[in-house]
Each structure stands twice: as structure tokens, then as C-alpha cells.
Amino acid sequence: MTKLHIDDFLGRYKSREFIDLVEKWDCNLERKTVLKTDLREEAFGEDEILFSLSNKNTRFFALDISKETVKKADIRQKEKGFVHRYTVADVRNLPFKSDVFDFILSSSTLDHFNSENELIKALLELKRVVKPVGSLIITLNNRCNVNFYLLLKLKKLFGLTAYPEQFYCSRQLKTIFQKVGLYIQGEDYSAHIISPVNSTLLLLRKFISKKVIDRIARGSVSFFRWLGKREKTKIFTGWFIALKCNKTY
């Protein structure tokens, strides 16, 4: 878990993709209370979200089921001068009162359960703690990206992934969210990274000069951004399906 999980250039691109969703969907975080549902990015990679979104007028909370991850993320935030509130907790059983968060940011947290029932339980908890007029931005593994799907399934087969990896399509998620009572207001596809570019870059950095690999990484990111602008095909290239939802119309 402590190993770098994403190349720095790709991490910053992935982070920017999520932040673009926040901006695209007019989520003004000024003077708001915000919850993020895991801390892996903030602890171990350049794909962090909270540090880039941080504003002295925004109250940030975040959790992770791993004590080690929370500890590492807390160290990194203090090094950057932030005062977010991080806690060890399970998203299926949140240690917060009801109706307290203006926004909830969930970046590929909810696709690591063993069953759909666990996903529903987590969504019900998120629905409980978000304010009646609040919003949630949720990304989950995209079932329509066959390239990404096969890569993660192979990693799981060879024991390279320690946790479950679930994949979802739009129609499936609409049914689940309707069952939970969350109303989808926006849909998109995020992080158009062709696999196994990330794994290849991480490997090559051990043998080839930083200057050469940085150039390759920059070119890759430019291509991924281009893919993200292709409206007709981005459903097949995004790592994640992204949803903005509310618990009221």
C-alpha cells in the first residue's frame, strides 16, 4: 500500500480530472464543509485532490479504513500547512451526525466492496450525512473501459491487488442510486489513461533517465486529455464513470 501507485505526471493529470468535475458541476466549496471518502491519493501519490482544492474558508474532513493511510496523509497535509480533519473509519458506518456536509467527494472508493449490498450500505450512509441541499461527486470503475477492466482483473488474478475491484455501467448505477434515493444530476467519464501506460512508466523510471521518461509522460498526458474531449468515445476510455448526485431534486 505504501508503494507509489501512479506516475507523478499521470497522478497530477488524474487529480486535475477530478477537480475539473468539481468546477464543471459548479460546486462552490467556499465556506462549505466537505467530506472525502478515502485518503489513498493524499497519502501516497500526486493524484491528491484535497491539497489542490484547499481553501482557508473550507472545512475539509476525510476518512480511510486504513490507519496507516490516515497517518501518512496527515503527515503530508501538515507538511503543506493544512489543517484538515482526518479519521480512521469505514464509509459503510460513518462517525458523523446526519445532514452535516455540503459536499461529499468520493474518488473510486465505492468500487472496492465485495457485493452490491455493501455499495448500497455505503451510499445510504453518504446520503445520511450530506445536507438536504448538498451534493455528492462520485467516481467508480468504468465497466465500458475494457482495457482498464482487463488490466485490473489480471492484477487481481495474479494477486497484485489486495482488495476487490468492481466495475459499473451507467444503467446499472442509475438503478442502484434510484433504489437508494440519490438523484443523478450529471454524468461524465474521467481519467483517460490507456493501460498499461502507468505501470510501464513506473517500471521504466527504474532504468531510464528521468528526463526521457518525463518527456514520454508529458506526451502521454497530452494524448489522454485529447481522448477526454472525444464525446462519442470517452465512455470507452475513461477509467471512471463520474456522477454528480443529490438526495433531493
C-alpha atoms as a PDB file:
ATOM      1  CA  MET A   1       0.000   0.000   0.000  1.00  0.00           C
ATOM      2  CA  THR A   2       2.902   2.361   0.657  1.00  0.00           C
ATOM      3  CA  LYS A   3       4.327   1.912  -2.833  1.00  0.00           C
ATOM      4  CA  LEU A   4       3.791   4.643  -5.403  1.00  0.00           C
ATOM      5  CA  HIS A   5       0.633   3.624  -7.254  1.00  0.00           C
ATOM      6  CA  ILE A   6       0.713   6.168 -10.074  1.00  0.00           C
ATOM      7  CA  ASP A   7       3.364   8.041 -12.028  1.00  0.00           C
ATOM      8  CA  ASP A   8       3.704  11.653 -10.891  1.00  0.00           C
ATOM      9  CA  PHE A   9       2.682  13.141 -14.247  1.00  0.00           C
ATOM     10  CA  LEU A  10      -0.300  10.827 -14.584  1.00  0.00           C
ATOM     11  CA  GLY A  11      -1.193  11.457 -10.959  1.00  0.00           C
ATOM     12  CA  ARG A  12      -1.374  15.201 -11.474  1.00  0.00           C
ATOM     13  CA  TYR A  13      -3.462  14.636 -14.597  1.00  0.00           C
ATOM     14  CA  LYS A  14      -5.848  12.317 -12.710  1.00  0.00           C
ATOM     15  CA  SER A  15      -6.145  14.873  -9.908  1.00  0.00           C
ATOM     16  CA  ARG A  16      -6.910  17.641 -12.399  1.00  0.00           C
ATOM     17  CA  GLU A  17      -9.605  15.484 -13.994  1.00  0.00           C
ATOM     18  CA  PHE A  18     -11.468  15.193 -10.684  1.00  0.00           C
ATOM     19  CA  ILE A  19     -11.063  18.891  -9.897  1.00  0.00           C
ATOM     20  CA  ASP A  20     -12.419  19.688 -13.367  1.00  0.00           C
ATOM     21  CA  LEU A  21     -15.568  17.759 -12.420  1.00  0.00           C
ATOM     22  CA  VAL A  22     -15.959  19.869  -9.277  1.00  0.00           C
ATOM     23  CA  GLU A  23     -15.662  23.041 -11.353  1.00  0.00           C
ATOM     24  CA  LYS A  24     -17.778  21.787 -14.254  1.00  0.00           C
ATOM     25  CA  TRP A  25     -20.647  20.944 -11.927  1.00  0.00           C
ATOM     26  CA  ASP A  26     -20.489  24.355 -10.199  1.00  0.00           C
ATOM     27  CA  CYS A  27     -19.547  23.004  -6.780  1.00  0.00           C
ATOM     28  CA  ASN A  28     -18.502  26.168  -4.984  1.00  0.00           C
ATOM     29  CA  LEU A  29     -16.631  24.970  -1.887  1.00  0.00           C
ATOM     30  CA  GLU A  30     -16.200  28.452  -0.400  1.00  0.00           C
ATOM     31  CA  ARG A  31     -17.281  28.449   3.271  1.00  0.00           C
ATOM     32  CA  LYS A  32     -18.554  24.882   2.920  1.00  0.00           C
ATOM     33  CA  THR A  33     -17.998  21.650   4.854  1.00  0.00           C
ATOM     34  CA  VAL A  34     -16.600  18.895   2.635  1.00  0.00           C
ATOM     35  CA  LEU A  35     -16.015  15.161   3.165  1.00  0.00           C
ATOM     36  CA  LYS A  36     -13.686  12.947   1.098  1.00  0.00           C
ATOM     37  CA  THR A  37     -14.272   9.219   1.412  1.00  0.00           C
ATOM     38  CA  ASP A  38     -10.693   7.924   1.269  1.00  0.00           C
ATOM     39  CA  LEU A  39      -7.122   9.199   1.610  1.00  0.00           C
ATOM     40  CA  ARG A  40      -5.007   6.962  -0.597  1.00  0.00           C
ATOM     41  CA  GLU A  41      -4.262   9.767  -3.062  1.00  0.00           C
ATOM     42  CA  GLU A  42      -3.350  12.250  -0.333  1.00  0.00           C
ATOM     43  CA  ALA A  43      -1.140   9.673   1.399  1.00  0.00           C
ATOM     44  CA  PHE A  44       0.767   8.101  -1.452  1.00  0.00           C
ATOM     45  CA  GLY A  45       0.555   9.913  -4.771  1.00  0.00           C
ATOM     46  CA  GLU A  46       0.452  13.042  -6.867  1.00  0.00           C
ATOM     47  CA  ASP A  47      -3.198  12.320  -7.642  1.00  0.00           C
ATOM     48  CA  GLU A  48      -4.240  14.036  -4.412  1.00  0.00           C
ATOM     49  CA  ILE A  49      -7.409  16.099  -4.502  1.00  0.00           C
ATOM     50  CA  LEU A  50      -7.777  17.808  -1.130  1.00  0.00           C
ATOM     51  CA  PHE A  51      -4.477  19.691  -1.191  1.00  0.00           C
ATOM     52  CA  SER A  52      -5.272  21.185  -4.599  1.00  0.00           C
ATOM     53  CA  LEU A  53      -8.787  22.163  -3.519  1.00  0.00           C
ATOM     54  CA  SER A  54      -7.772  23.533  -0.139  1.00  0.00           C
ATOM     55  CA  ASN A  55      -9.098  26.913   0.842  1.00  0.00           C
ATOM     56  CA  LYS A  56      -8.850  28.519   4.264  1.00  0.00           C
ATOM     57  CA  ASN A  57     -12.601  29.135   4.170  1.00  0.00           C
ATOM     58  CA  THR A  58     -13.457  25.474   3.514  1.00  0.00           C
ATOM     59  CA  ARG A  59     -13.663  22.845   6.252  1.00  0.00           C
ATOM     60  CA  PHE A  60     -12.285  19.556   4.937  1.00  0.00           C
ATOM     61  CA  PHE A  61     -12.908  16.185   6.535  1.00  0.00           C
ATOM     62  CA  ALA A  62     -11.665  12.853   5.205  1.00  0.00           C
ATOM     63  CA  LEU A  63     -11.520   9.240   6.266  1.00  0.00           C
ATOM     64  CA  ASP A  64      -9.889   5.977   5.342  1.00  0.00           C
ATOM     65  CA  ILE A  65     -10.317   2.446   6.607  1.00  0.00           C
ATOM     66  CA  SER A  66      -6.516   2.096   6.863  1.00  0.00           C
ATOM     67  CA  LYS A  67      -4.812   3.582   9.919  1.00  0.00           C
ATOM     68  CA  GLU A  68      -1.502   3.660   8.036  1.00  0.00           C
ATOM     69  CA  THR A  69      -3.055   5.626   5.174  1.00  0.00           C
ATOM     70  CA  VAL A  70      -4.637   8.180   7.504  1.00  0.00           C
ATOM     71  CA  LYS A  71      -1.345   8.640   9.349  1.00  0.00           C
ATOM     72  CA  LYS A  72       0.624   9.176   6.132  1.00  0.00           C
ATOM     73  CA  ALA A  73      -1.967  11.575   4.700  1.00  0.00           C
ATOM     74  CA  ASP A  74      -1.939  13.553   7.943  1.00  0.00           C
ATOM     75  CA  ILE A  75       1.846  13.868   7.793  1.00  0.00           C
ATOM     76  CA  ARG A  76       1.687  15.113   4.203  1.00  0.00           C
ATOM     77  CA  GLN A  77      -1.055  17.658   4.904  1.00  0.00           C
ATOM     78  CA  LYS A  78       0.862  19.087   7.861  1.00  0.00           C
ATOM     79  CA  GLU A  79       3.977  19.392   5.711  1.00  0.00           C
ATOM     80  CA  LYS A  80       1.884  21.502   3.337  1.00  0.00           C
ATOM     81  CA  GLY A  81       0.435  23.620   6.143  1.00  0.00           C
ATOM     82  CA  PHE A  82      -3.141  22.342   6.028  1.00  0.00           C
ATOM     83  CA  VAL A  83      -5.430  21.600   8.976  1.00  0.00           C
ATOM     84  CA  HIS A  84      -7.876  19.083   7.544  1.00  0.00           C
ATOM     85  CA  ARG A  85      -9.581  16.632   9.879  1.00  0.00           C
ATOM     86  CA  TYR A  86      -8.691  13.026   9.045  1.00  0.00           C
ATOM     87  CA  THR A  87     -10.048   9.963  10.803  1.00  0.00           C
ATOM     88  CA  VAL A  88      -9.929   6.174  10.583  1.00  0.00           C
ATOM     89  CA  ALA A  89     -13.413   4.967   9.650  1.00  0.00           C
ATOM     90  CA  ASP A  90     -15.440   2.756   7.330  1.00  0.00           C
ATOM     91  CA  VAL A  91     -17.562   4.542   4.739  1.00  0.00           C
ATOM     92  CA  ARG A  92     -20.306   1.990   5.464  1.00  0.00           C
ATOM     93  CA  ASN A  93     -20.519   3.227   9.065  1.00  0.00           C
ATOM     94  CA  LEU A  94     -19.650   6.915   9.201  1.00  0.00           C
ATOM     95  CA  PRO A  95     -18.828   8.582  12.544  1.00  0.00           C
ATOM     96  CA  PHE A  96     -20.729  11.767  11.690  1.00  0.00           C
ATOM     97  CA  LYS A  97     -24.135  13.203  12.503  1.00  0.00           C
ATOM     98  CA  SER A  98     -26.786  13.391   9.806  1.00  0.00           C
ATOM     99  CA  ASP A  99     -27.046  16.341   7.385  1.00  0.00           C
ATOM    100  CA  VAL A 100     -23.628  17.884   8.133  1.00  0.00           C
ATOM    101  CA  PHE A 101     -21.742  18.041   4.801  1.00  0.00           C
ATOM    102  CA  ASP A 102     -22.348  20.437   1.935  1.00  0.00           C
ATOM    103  CA  PHE A 103     -20.323  18.306  -0.470  1.00  0.00           C
ATOM    104  CA  ILE A 104     -19.034  14.746  -0.492  1.00  0.00           C
ATOM    105  CA  LEU A 105     -16.171  13.776  -2.806  1.00  0.00           C
ATOM    106  CA  SER A 106     -15.730  10.059  -3.441  1.00  0.00           C
ATOM    107  CA  SER A 107     -12.903   9.167  -5.823  1.00  0.00           C
ATOM    108  CA  SER A 108     -13.047   5.445  -6.606  1.00  0.00           C
ATOM    109  CA  THR A 109     -13.786   4.415  -3.017  1.00  0.00           C
ATOM    110  CA  LEU A 110     -17.090   2.659  -3.531  1.00  0.00           C
ATOM    111  CA  ASP A 111     -15.874   0.174  -6.156  1.00  0.00           C
ATOM    112  CA  HIS A 112     -13.859  -1.855  -3.634  1.00  0.00           C
ATOM    113  CA  PHE A 113     -16.655  -3.785  -1.930  1.00  0.00           C
ATOM    114  CA  ASN A 114     -17.418  -7.477  -2.285  1.00  0.00           C
ATOM    115  CA  SER A 115     -21.100  -7.027  -3.077  1.00  0.00           C
ATOM    116  CA  GLU A 116     -23.720  -4.607  -4.335  1.00  0.00           C
ATOM    117  CA  ASN A 117     -25.353  -4.676  -0.897  1.00  0.00           C
ATOM    118  CA  GLU A 118     -22.193  -3.179   0.607  1.00  0.00           C
ATOM    119  CA  LEU A 119     -22.206  -0.456  -2.045  1.00  0.00           C
ATOM    120  CA  ILE A 120     -25.828   0.330  -1.191  1.00  0.00           C
ATOM    121  CA  LYS A 121     -24.988   0.464   2.507  1.00  0.00           C
ATOM    122  CA  ALA A 122     -22.196   2.964   1.832  1.00  0.00           C
ATOM    123  CA  LEU A 123     -24.416   5.104  -0.395  1.00  0.00           C
ATOM    124  CA  LEU A 124     -27.098   5.194   2.289  1.00  0.00           C
ATOM    125  CA  GLU A 125     -24.509   6.419   4.781  1.00  0.00           C
ATOM    126  CA  LEU A 126     -23.316   9.132   2.403  1.00  0.00           C
ATOM    127  CA  LYS A 127     -26.920  10.138   1.793  1.00  0.00           C
ATOM    128  CA  ARG A 128     -27.456  10.344   5.546  1.00  0.00           C
ATOM    129  CA  VAL A 129     -24.550  12.709   6.245  1.00  0.00           C
ATOM    130  CA  VAL A 130     -24.934  15.049   3.262  1.00  0.00           C
ATOM    131  CA  LYS A 131     -27.187  18.065   3.761  1.00  0.00           C
ATOM    132  CA  PRO A 132     -30.620  18.090   2.063  1.00  0.00           C
ATOM    133  CA  VAL A 133     -29.330  20.684  -0.412  1.00  0.00           C
ATOM    134  CA  GLY A 134     -25.841  19.181  -0.602  1.00  0.00           C
ATOM    135  CA  SER A 135     -24.211  17.338  -3.497  1.00  0.00           C
ATOM    136  CA  LEU A 136     -22.036  14.280  -3.997  1.00  0.00           C
ATOM    137  CA  ILE A 137     -19.429  13.717  -6.700  1.00  0.00           C
ATOM    138  CA  ILE A 138     -18.726  10.010  -7.014  1.00  0.00           C
ATOM    139  CA  THR A 139     -16.373   8.188  -9.374  1.00  0.00           C
ATOM    140  CA  LEU A 140     -16.346   4.412  -9.811  1.00  0.00           C
ATOM    141  CA  ASN A 141     -14.509   1.985 -12.088  1.00  0.00           C
ATOM    142  CA  ASN A 142     -15.947   2.186 -15.603  1.00  0.00           C
ATOM    143  CA  ARG A 143     -17.205  -1.149 -16.947  1.00  0.00           C
ATOM    144  CA  CYS A 144     -17.218   0.160 -20.513  1.00  0.00           C
ATOM    145  CA  ASN A 145     -13.434   0.614 -20.483  1.00  0.00           C
ATOM    146  CA  VAL A 146     -12.459  -2.927 -21.471  1.00  0.00           C
ATOM    147  CA  ASN A 147      -8.745  -2.088 -21.410  1.00  0.00           C
ATOM    148  CA  PHE A 148      -8.846  -0.942 -17.774  1.00  0.00           C
ATOM    149  CA  TYR A 149     -11.230  -3.733 -16.788  1.00  0.00           C
ATOM    150  CA  LEU A 150      -8.949  -6.480 -18.122  1.00  0.00           C
ATOM    151  CA  LEU A 151      -5.833  -4.946 -16.563  1.00  0.00           C
ATOM    152  CA  LEU A 152      -7.318  -4.826 -13.063  1.00  0.00           C
ATOM    153  CA  LYS A 153      -8.813  -8.288 -13.419  1.00  0.00           C
ATOM    154  CA  LEU A 154      -5.368  -9.639 -14.375  1.00  0.00           C
ATOM    155  CA  LYS A 155      -3.793  -7.882 -11.394  1.00  0.00           C
ATOM    156  CA  LYS A 156      -6.391  -9.469  -9.147  1.00  0.00           C
ATOM    157  CA  LEU A 157      -5.819 -12.888 -10.729  1.00  0.00           C
ATOM    158  CA  PHE A 158      -2.074 -12.715 -10.043  1.00  0.00           C
ATOM    159  CA  GLY A 159      -2.507 -11.386  -6.514  1.00  0.00           C
ATOM    160  CA  LEU A 160      -1.228  -7.885  -7.291  1.00  0.00           C
ATOM    161  CA  THR A 161      -4.330  -6.209  -5.854  1.00  0.00           C
ATOM    162  CA  ALA A 162      -5.195  -6.708  -2.198  1.00  0.00           C
ATOM    163  CA  TYR A 163      -8.807  -5.536  -2.358  1.00  0.00           C
ATOM    164  CA  PRO A 164     -11.906  -6.177  -4.513  1.00  0.00           C
ATOM    165  CA  GLU A 165     -12.317  -4.293  -7.796  1.00  0.00           C
ATOM    166  CA  GLN A 166     -15.879  -3.808  -9.039  1.00  0.00           C
ATOM    167  CA  PHE A 167     -16.892  -2.158 -12.318  1.00  0.00           C
ATOM    168  CA  TYR A 168     -20.136  -0.398 -13.179  1.00  0.00           C
ATOM    169  CA  CYS A 169     -22.003   0.929 -16.190  1.00  0.00           C
ATOM    170  CA  SER A 170     -24.317   3.931 -16.277  1.00  0.00           C
ATOM    171  CA  ARG A 171     -27.570   1.975 -16.440  1.00  0.00           C
ATOM    172  CA  GLN A 172     -26.581  -0.230 -13.502  1.00  0.00           C
ATOM    173  CA  LEU A 173     -25.650   2.746 -11.335  1.00  0.00           C
ATOM    174  CA  LYS A 174     -28.850   4.612 -12.165  1.00  0.00           C
ATOM    175  CA  THR A 175     -30.835   1.639 -10.870  1.00  0.00           C
ATOM    176  CA  ILE A 176     -28.766   1.427  -7.678  1.00  0.00           C
ATOM    177  CA  PHE A 177     -28.884   5.161  -6.989  1.00  0.00           C
ATOM    178  CA  GLN A 178     -32.632   5.261  -7.572  1.00  0.00           C
ATOM    179  CA  LYS A 179     -33.038   2.428  -5.079  1.00  0.00           C
ATOM    180  CA  VAL A 180     -31.012   4.390  -2.517  1.00  0.00           C
ATOM    181  CA  GLY A 181     -32.843   7.662  -3.148  1.00  0.00           C
ATOM    182  CA  LEU A 182     -29.996   9.612  -4.726  1.00  0.00           C
ATOM    183  CA  TYR A 183     -30.830  11.602  -7.847  1.00  0.00           C
ATOM    184  CA  ILE A 184     -28.204  11.832 -10.590  1.00  0.00           C
ATOM    185  CA  GLN A 185     -27.787  15.390 -11.879  1.00  0.00           C
ATOM    186  CA  GLY A 186     -24.676  14.925 -14.017  1.00  0.00           C
ATOM    187  CA  GLU A 187     -22.651  12.155 -15.657  1.00  0.00           C
ATOM    188  CA  ASP A 188     -19.205  12.078 -17.268  1.00  0.00           C
ATOM    189  CA  TYR A 189     -16.107   9.905 -17.764  1.00  0.00           C
ATOM    190  CA  SER A 190     -12.785  10.729 -16.152  1.00  0.00           C
ATOM    191  CA  ALA A 191      -9.052   9.856 -16.310  1.00  0.00           C
ATOM    192  CA  HIS A 192      -8.489   8.599 -19.861  1.00  0.00           C
ATOM    193  CA  ILE A 193      -5.270   6.729 -19.132  1.00  0.00           C
ATOM    194  CA  ILE A 194      -4.558   3.859 -21.512  1.00  0.00           C
ATOM    195  CA  SER A 195      -3.359   0.785 -19.651  1.00  0.00           C
ATOM    196  CA  PRO A 196      -0.637  -0.274 -19.017  1.00  0.00           C
ATOM    197  CA  VAL A 197       1.000   3.138 -19.585  1.00  0.00           C
ATOM    198  CA  ASN A 198       1.059   3.882 -15.853  1.00  0.00           C
ATOM    199  CA  SER A 199       2.685   0.570 -14.896  1.00  0.00           C
ATOM    200  CA  THR A 200       5.155   0.922 -17.776  1.00  0.00           C
ATOM    201  CA  LEU A 201       6.227   4.416 -16.730  1.00  0.00           C
ATOM    202  CA  LEU A 202       6.731   3.322 -13.121  1.00  0.00           C
ATOM    203  CA  LEU A 203       8.890   0.422 -14.305  1.00  0.00           C
ATOM    204  CA  LEU A 204      10.932   2.417 -16.834  1.00  0.00           C
ATOM    205  CA  ARG A 205      11.775   5.084 -14.253  1.00  0.00           C
ATOM    206  CA  LYS A 206      13.956   2.464 -12.548  1.00  0.00           C
ATOM    207  CA  PHE A 207      16.158   2.066 -15.632  1.00  0.00           C
ATOM    208  CA  ILE A 208      15.895   5.139 -17.870  1.00  0.00           C
ATOM    209  CA  SER A 209      16.795   8.769 -17.170  1.00  0.00           C
ATOM    210  CA  LYS A 210      14.175  10.996 -15.580  1.00  0.00           C
ATOM    211  CA  LYS A 211      14.414  13.500 -18.432  1.00  0.00           C
ATOM    212  CA  VAL A 212      13.495  10.893 -21.054  1.00  0.00           C
ATOM    213  CA  ILE A 213      10.624   9.388 -19.064  1.00  0.00           C
ATOM    214  CA  ASP A 214       9.258  12.820 -18.149  1.00  0.00           C
ATOM    215  CA  ARG A 215       9.067  13.653 -21.846  1.00  0.00           C
ATOM    216  CA  ILE A 216       7.185  10.425 -22.555  1.00  0.00           C
ATOM    217  CA  ALA A 217       4.848  11.069 -19.616  1.00  0.00           C
ATOM    218  CA  ARG A 218       4.060  14.612 -20.788  1.00  0.00           C
ATOM    219  CA  GLY A 219       3.229  13.331 -24.260  1.00  0.00           C
ATOM    220  CA  SER A 220       1.029  10.627 -22.781  1.00  0.00           C
ATOM    221  CA  VAL A 221      -0.907  13.136 -20.689  1.00  0.00           C
ATOM    222  CA  SER A 222      -1.494  15.339 -23.741  1.00  0.00           C
ATOM    223  CA  PHE A 223      -2.931  12.324 -25.560  1.00  0.00           C
ATOM    224  CA  PHE A 224      -5.119  11.382 -22.596  1.00  0.00           C
ATOM    225  CA  ARG A 225      -6.514  14.922 -22.452  1.00  0.00           C
ATOM    226  CA  TRP A 226      -7.323  14.658 -26.146  1.00  0.00           C
ATOM    227  CA  LEU A 227      -9.154  11.377 -25.545  1.00  0.00           C
ATOM    228  CA  GLY A 228     -11.205  13.032 -22.813  1.00  0.00           C
ATOM    229  CA  LYS A 229     -12.519  15.588 -25.297  1.00  0.00           C
ATOM    230  CA  ARG A 230     -13.902  12.938 -27.673  1.00  0.00           C
ATOM    231  CA  GLU A 231     -17.577  12.959 -26.706  1.00  0.00           C
ATOM    232  CA  LYS A 232     -18.503   9.872 -28.726  1.00  0.00           C
ATOM    233  CA  THR A 233     -15.715   7.625 -27.428  1.00  0.00           C
ATOM    234  CA  LYS A 234     -14.803   8.830 -23.930  1.00  0.00           C
ATOM    235  CA  ILE A 235     -17.215   6.299 -22.427  1.00  0.00           C
ATOM    236  CA  PHE A 236     -14.730   3.636 -23.585  1.00  0.00           C
ATOM    237  CA  THR A 237     -11.502   5.378 -22.478  1.00  0.00           C
ATOM    238  CA  GLY A 238     -12.256   6.830 -19.042  1.00  0.00           C
ATOM    239  CA  TRP A 239     -11.011   4.871 -16.050  1.00  0.00           C
ATOM    240  CA  PHE A 240     -14.017   6.104 -14.102  1.00  0.00           C
ATOM    241  CA  ILE A 241     -17.669   6.893 -14.575  1.00  0.00           C
ATOM    242  CA  ALA A 242     -18.336  10.135 -12.695  1.00  0.00           C
ATOM    243  CA  LEU A 243     -21.686  11.125 -11.226  1.00  0.00           C
ATOM    244  CA  LYS A 244     -22.974  14.228  -9.523  1.00  0.00           C
ATOM    245  CA  CYS A 245     -25.995  13.496  -7.367  1.00  0.00           C
ATOM    246  CA  ASN A 246     -28.270  14.940  -4.706  1.00  0.00           C
ATOM    247  CA  LYS A 247     -30.740  13.450  -2.265  1.00  0.00           C
ATOM    248  CA  THR A 248     -33.451  15.855  -3.392  1.00  0.00           C
ATOM    249  CA  TYR A 249     -34.475  17.060  -6.853  1.00  0.00           C
END
